[in-house]
Structure formats: structure tokens, C-alpha cells
């Protein structure tokens, strides 16, 4: 029984190693040395991140605050990916802001981004002093996740709770356009 378990674990490990080698050797970018690790920029303080989406341009910014430990956050991620795909080339920018701890960046956040094939820009906000910055997003927000801020020029829409459908996300974005 124990030998079967160990053999199964070894087989899983071996398949994982072979899959990683295969992915590295068979990428479609023509550069065998290209790093396929998702890029996640870390911001220590909210005030470092805010200028990315608080502006007066005619670009629509969709800023989703989430965490890898939040099931509703995970459930809505495909909607942001789909929105990103459907709005490429338009004046729309999605920023997925993980509120995981920086110590979880390598073990949780980056693998999550890769596993789910997240296309929008992903950042990690290390600033765990929520009470100091959540009111800057919206005075009704107390830090519950997921939460989404949508801004365009002087229009702003904020919601917390998951988008159950892609259409729910589209409808919310339409409020600022």
C-alpha cells in the first residue's frame, strides 16, 4: 500500500518535471531562453499603485482587488480574462491587484497567475494597512474581497462582491463609458 502511494507520488512528480521541460522546449515564441514565469509587480504602499489608475484620461481602468485565498475572487477571474480579450485595442486597462502577502508571491500568486492564464496586468499590494487606503477607493469599502473599482475620466463605479457573470462585469463597466 505504502509502495503504491510512493510510486504514484513519484509518477506525478516525474510528469510535472517532464511537462515543465516540454513547455520550456516547445514554446511558440522562437526564443528557447525566454522566461515563461508570469510577471507580478509588487507595490509596498497603496500610494505607489494609485497613480496607475487615478487619472483624467479617456481610458477606462478596471481595478480588481483579490486574493488567492478568496473563492469568490477566483470564481470571477475568467470574466476579467474574457473582458481583456474582447477589449484589446480599446482604451481599456485591467489591473488585478492581489492583496496576498509578499511572502506568498512565489508560492501562491505567481503560480495562480500562470495556472489560470491571466492576461490582464497583475500586481501585488503589500500594504496591509487597509484602513489607511480603502477609503481612498470608496468610503463604503471596509476591505471585503473581491472589490472592483472602475474609473474613466471623472466617472467612478465601485462594487464589492464577485461578478457572477461576464455580463455583470460588462454592465458595470458600461456605467462609466
Protein backbone atom coordinates (compact mmCIF):
# COMPACT_ATOMS: atom_id res chain seq x y z
CA UNK A 1 0.00 0.00 0.00
CA UNK A 2 2.75 2.42 1.00
CA UNK A 3 4.82 1.46 -2.06
CA UNK A 4 1.86 2.14 -4.36
CA UNK A 5 1.40 5.56 -2.78
CA UNK A 6 5.09 6.39 -3.18
CA UNK A 7 5.08 5.18 -6.80
CA UNK A 8 2.04 7.32 -7.55
CA UNK A 9 3.66 10.39 -5.95
CA UNK A 10 6.88 9.77 -7.88
CA UNK A 11 4.89 9.42 -11.14
CA UNK A 12 3.13 12.73 -10.51
CA UNK A 13 6.45 14.40 -9.75
CA UNK A 14 8.07 12.94 -12.86
CA UNK A 15 5.17 14.02 -15.09
CA UNK A 16 5.38 17.55 -13.65
CA UNK A 17 9.11 17.76 -14.37
CA UNK A 18 8.63 16.43 -17.91
CA UNK A 19 5.77 18.87 -18.53
CA UNK A 20 7.93 21.81 -17.39
CA UNK A 21 10.79 20.69 -19.64
CA UNK A 22 8.39 20.23 -22.54
CA UNK A 23 6.86 23.68 -22.05
CA UNK A 24 10.28 25.29 -21.92
CA UNK A 25 11.48 23.48 -25.05
CA UNK A 26 8.29 23.89 -27.07
CA UNK A 27 7.36 27.50 -26.56
CA UNK A 28 5.96 29.20 -29.63
CA UNK A 29 7.98 32.37 -29.31
CA UNK A 30 11.12 31.18 -31.04
CA UNK A 31 13.29 32.05 -28.06
CA UNK A 32 14.27 28.93 -26.14
CA UNK A 33 15.61 31.00 -23.24
CA UNK A 34 12.52 33.17 -22.73
CA UNK A 35 11.27 33.14 -19.14
CA UNK A 36 7.65 31.97 -19.06
CA UNK A 37 7.13 33.00 -15.42
CA UNK A 38 4.26 35.49 -15.10
CA UNK A 39 5.35 38.97 -14.11
CA UNK A 40 3.79 40.42 -10.97
CA UNK A 41 4.92 43.87 -9.87
CA UNK A 42 4.95 44.43 -6.11
CA UNK A 43 3.88 47.75 -4.59
CA UNK A 44 4.79 48.36 -0.95
CA UNK A 45 2.27 51.18 -0.43
CA UNK A 46 -1.10 52.00 -1.95
CA UNK A 47 0.10 55.49 -2.90
CA UNK A 48 2.68 53.89 -5.23
CA UNK A 49 -0.05 51.97 -7.05
CA UNK A 50 -2.85 54.58 -7.20
CA UNK A 51 -1.31 56.74 -9.97
CA UNK A 52 -1.71 53.78 -12.35
CA UNK A 53 -5.49 54.21 -12.35
CA UNK A 54 -6.34 57.60 -10.86
CA UNK A 55 -6.09 59.96 -13.77
CA UNK A 56 -8.27 62.02 -16.05
CA UNK A 57 -7.61 60.19 -19.31
CA UNK A 58 -10.28 58.73 -21.56
CA UNK A 59 -9.06 55.22 -20.77
CA UNK A 60 -11.35 53.03 -18.69
CA UNK A 61 -9.49 51.45 -15.77
CA UNK A 62 -10.87 48.32 -14.15
CA UNK A 63 -9.02 47.64 -10.91
CA UNK A 64 -9.92 44.38 -9.18
CA UNK A 65 -8.72 43.70 -5.63
CA UNK A 66 -8.49 39.99 -4.91
CA UNK A 67 -6.55 37.25 -3.10
CA UNK A 68 -5.63 33.66 -3.87
CA UNK A 69 -7.41 32.58 -0.66
CA UNK A 70 -10.73 34.13 -1.74
CA UNK A 71 -13.04 31.64 -3.55
CA UNK A 72 -15.34 34.36 -4.99
CA UNK A 73 -12.25 36.16 -6.32
CA UNK A 74 -11.09 33.03 -8.09
CA UNK A 75 -14.55 32.38 -9.50
CA UNK A 76 -14.72 35.77 -11.23
CA UNK A 77 -11.21 35.72 -12.76
CA UNK A 78 -12.36 34.20 -16.09
CA UNK A 79 -14.66 37.21 -16.57
CA UNK A 80 -11.70 39.61 -16.35
CA UNK A 81 -9.71 37.45 -18.76
CA UNK A 82 -12.60 37.42 -21.24
CA UNK A 83 -13.13 41.17 -20.88
CA UNK A 84 -9.43 41.69 -21.55
CA UNK A 85 -9.61 39.56 -24.72
CA UNK A 86 -12.72 41.28 -26.05
CA UNK A 87 -11.40 44.78 -25.43
CA UNK A 88 -7.87 44.56 -26.76
CA UNK A 89 -7.03 47.61 -28.80
CA UNK A 90 -9.66 49.70 -26.99
CA UNK A 91 -8.99 52.30 -24.34
CA UNK A 92 -9.49 49.83 -21.52
CA UNK A 93 -6.95 48.71 -18.93
CA UNK A 94 -7.50 45.95 -16.37
CA UNK A 95 -5.32 45.76 -13.29
CA UNK A 96 -5.69 42.75 -10.99
CA UNK A 97 -4.34 43.73 -7.58
CA UNK A 98 -3.57 40.81 -5.30
CA UNK A 99 -3.77 41.55 -1.60
CA UNK A 100 -1.86 38.41 -0.71
CA UNK A 101 1.21 38.88 1.43
CA UNK A 102 4.51 39.40 -0.37
CA UNK A 103 5.85 36.23 1.22
CA UNK A 104 3.18 34.36 -0.80
CA UNK A 105 4.22 35.88 -4.12
CA UNK A 106 6.42 32.98 -5.29
CA UNK A 107 4.41 30.14 -3.76
CA UNK A 108 0.84 31.27 -4.41
CA UNK A 109 0.36 34.37 -6.56
CA UNK A 110 2.71 33.70 -9.47
CA UNK A 111 1.65 30.04 -9.78
CA UNK A 112 -2.01 31.13 -9.65
CA UNK A 113 -1.47 33.66 -12.44
CA UNK A 114 0.27 31.05 -14.60
CA UNK A 115 -2.20 28.27 -13.87
CA UNK A 116 -5.19 30.45 -14.76
CA UNK A 117 -3.50 32.09 -17.74
CA UNK A 118 -4.36 35.58 -16.54
CA UNK A 119 -3.91 38.06 -19.35
CA UNK A 120 -4.51 41.41 -17.59
CA UNK A 121 -1.71 43.08 -15.67
CA UNK A 122 -1.29 41.60 -12.18
CA UNK A 123 0.21 43.44 -9.23
CA UNK A 124 0.60 42.64 -5.57
CA UNK A 125 -0.11 45.33 -3.00
CA UNK A 126 1.86 44.63 0.17
CA UNK A 127 0.20 47.50 2.08
CA UNK A 128 -1.83 45.55 4.66
CA UNK A 129 -3.00 48.70 6.45
CA UNK A 130 -6.39 48.60 4.72
CA UNK A 131 -7.95 51.27 6.90
CA UNK A 132 -5.35 53.76 5.63
CA UNK A 133 -6.26 53.36 1.95
CA UNK A 134 -9.63 51.63 1.37
CA UNK A 135 -11.45 54.94 1.87
CA UNK A 136 -9.38 56.36 -0.98
CA UNK A 137 -11.01 53.74 -3.22
CA UNK A 138 -14.52 54.19 -1.83
CA UNK A 139 -15.81 55.35 1.55
CA UNK A 140 -18.18 52.35 1.75
CA UNK A 141 -15.42 49.77 1.37
CA UNK A 142 -14.13 48.16 4.51
CA UNK A 143 -11.73 45.73 2.82
CA UNK A 144 -14.01 42.81 1.84
CA UNK A 145 -12.93 40.90 -1.26
CA UNK A 146 -13.36 40.82 -4.13
CA UNK A 147 -13.77 44.51 -4.83
CA UNK A 148 -13.63 46.34 -8.14
CA UNK A 149 -13.07 49.99 -8.96
CA UNK A 150 -13.93 51.20 -12.44
CA UNK A 151 -12.82 54.71 -13.39
CA UNK A 152 -12.88 56.78 -16.54
CA UNK A 153 -12.17 60.49 -16.56
CA UNK A 154 -14.30 61.85 -13.69
CA UNK A 155 -16.67 58.85 -13.55
CA UNK A 156 -16.20 56.19 -10.90
CA UNK A 157 -18.09 52.99 -10.05
CA UNK A 158 -17.18 50.78 -7.12
CA UNK A 159 -18.54 47.38 -6.19
CA UNK A 160 -17.59 44.67 -3.79
CA UNK A 161 -18.58 41.08 -4.23
CA UNK A 162 -17.91 38.83 -7.19
CA UNK A 163 -19.24 39.35 -10.68
CA UNK A 164 -21.36 36.25 -11.14
CA UNK A 165 -21.34 36.51 -14.94
CA UNK A 166 -19.36 38.18 -17.68
CA UNK A 167 -22.43 40.31 -18.45
CA UNK A 168 -22.46 41.59 -14.86
CA UNK A 169 -18.93 42.90 -15.39
CA UNK A 170 -19.82 44.39 -18.79
CA UNK A 171 -22.86 46.14 -17.34
CA UNK A 172 -20.81 47.66 -14.51
CA UNK A 173 -18.14 48.94 -16.91
CA UNK A 174 -20.85 50.44 -19.14
CA UNK A 175 -21.81 52.75 -16.26
CA UNK A 176 -18.61 54.79 -16.71
CA UNK A 177 -18.49 54.76 -20.51
